[in-house]
Amino acid sequence: MINQLITVLLLIPGFWLGYKFSPYFVDWVQINPKRPLRFSPGQRTLLWLTIGSLFTNTLVFLYGLNQSIITMFIFPG
């Protein structure tokens, strides 16, 4: 029960990190090519959701890895 709650709560920092890093990515994409690219607000929202989901998946993976390592060293009984 608590493990599922922690997994859901990891959505918050994941999407917050996506919100913080998406402007840097947009600036990098606009500077990198020879011709300037313009993003609409809808495209920026989808980019934020994509980057946020990448951070969220990474946090959930690291939490699961940490949990499995800890349970490896705890012997039942």
Protein backbone atom coordinates (compact mmCIF):
# COMPACT_ATOMS: atom_id res chain seq x y z
CA MET A 1 0.00 0.00 0.00
CA ILE A 2 2.69 2.49 1.01
CA ASN A 3 4.86 1.51 -1.96
CA GLN A 4 2.07 2.38 -4.40
CA LEU A 5 1.52 5.69 -2.64
CA ILE A 6 5.20 6.59 -2.88
CA THR A 7 5.18 5.70 -6.57
CA VAL A 8 2.24 8.04 -7.15
CA LEU A 9 3.85 10.78 -5.09
CA LEU A 10 6.97 10.59 -7.27
CA LEU A 11 4.86 12.12 -10.06
CA ILE A 12 5.08 15.50 -8.32
CA PRO A 13 8.87 15.95 -8.36
CA GLY A 14 9.11 14.32 -11.79
CA PHE A 15 6.77 16.79 -13.46
CA TRP A 16 8.23 19.67 -11.44
CA LEU A 17 11.67 18.80 -12.82
CA GLY A 18 10.13 18.63 -16.30
CA TYR A 19 8.68 22.09 -15.75
CA LYS A 20 12.08 23.43 -14.71
CA PHE A 21 14.10 21.82 -17.52
CA SER A 22 11.74 22.29 -20.47
CA PRO A 23 12.65 26.00 -21.03
CA TYR A 24 16.33 25.04 -21.25
CA PHE A 25 15.50 22.37 -23.81
CA VAL A 26 13.36 24.79 -25.85
CA ASP A 27 16.19 27.35 -25.84
CA TRP A 28 18.69 24.69 -26.90
CA VAL A 29 16.46 23.52 -29.77
CA GLN A 30 15.88 27.06 -30.98
CA ILE A 31 19.61 27.90 -30.99
CA ASN A 32 20.99 24.62 -32.33
CA PRO A 33 19.60 24.49 -35.90
CA LYS A 34 20.45 27.03 -38.57
CA ARG A 35 16.85 28.16 -38.91
CA PRO A 36 14.88 29.27 -35.84
CA LEU A 37 12.07 27.06 -34.56
CA ARG A 38 8.98 28.42 -32.87
CA PHE A 39 6.91 26.40 -30.39
CA SER A 40 3.24 27.02 -29.81
CA PRO A 41 1.85 26.86 -26.26
CA GLY A 42 0.36 23.43 -27.01
CA GLN A 43 3.71 22.12 -28.19
CA ARG A 44 5.39 23.51 -25.08
CA THR A 45 2.84 21.71 -22.90
CA LEU A 46 3.42 18.41 -24.68
CA LEU A 47 7.17 18.92 -24.36
CA TRP A 48 6.77 19.59 -20.61
CA LEU A 49 4.68 16.43 -20.22
CA THR A 50 7.23 14.39 -22.17
CA ILE A 51 10.22 15.63 -20.19
CA GLY A 52 8.28 15.30 -16.93
CA SER A 53 7.34 11.71 -17.71
CA LEU A 54 11.00 10.90 -18.44
CA PHE A 55 12.00 12.29 -15.05
CA THR A 56 9.09 10.50 -13.35
CA ASN A 57 9.97 7.15 -14.93
CA THR A 58 13.58 7.59 -13.85
CA LEU A 59 12.57 8.39 -10.27
CA VAL A 60 10.20 5.41 -10.10
CA PHE A 61 12.93 3.14 -11.49
CA LEU A 62 15.47 4.39 -8.94
CA TYR A 63 12.95 3.94 -6.12
CA GLY A 64 12.22 0.36 -7.22
CA LEU A 65 15.92 -0.41 -7.56
CA ASN A 66 16.62 1.01 -4.12
CA GLN A 67 13.72 -0.94 -2.64
CA SER A 68 14.88 -4.22 -4.21
CA ILE A 69 18.45 -3.68 -2.98
CA ILE A 70 17.20 -3.03 0.55
CA THR A 71 14.94 -6.09 0.56
CA MET A 72 17.85 -8.21 -0.67
CA PHE A 73 19.70 -7.59 2.58
CA ILE A 74 16.71 -7.96 4.91
CA PHE A 75 16.11 -11.56 5.79
CA PRO A 76 12.53 -12.47 6.75
CA GLY A 77 12.01 -13.98 10.19
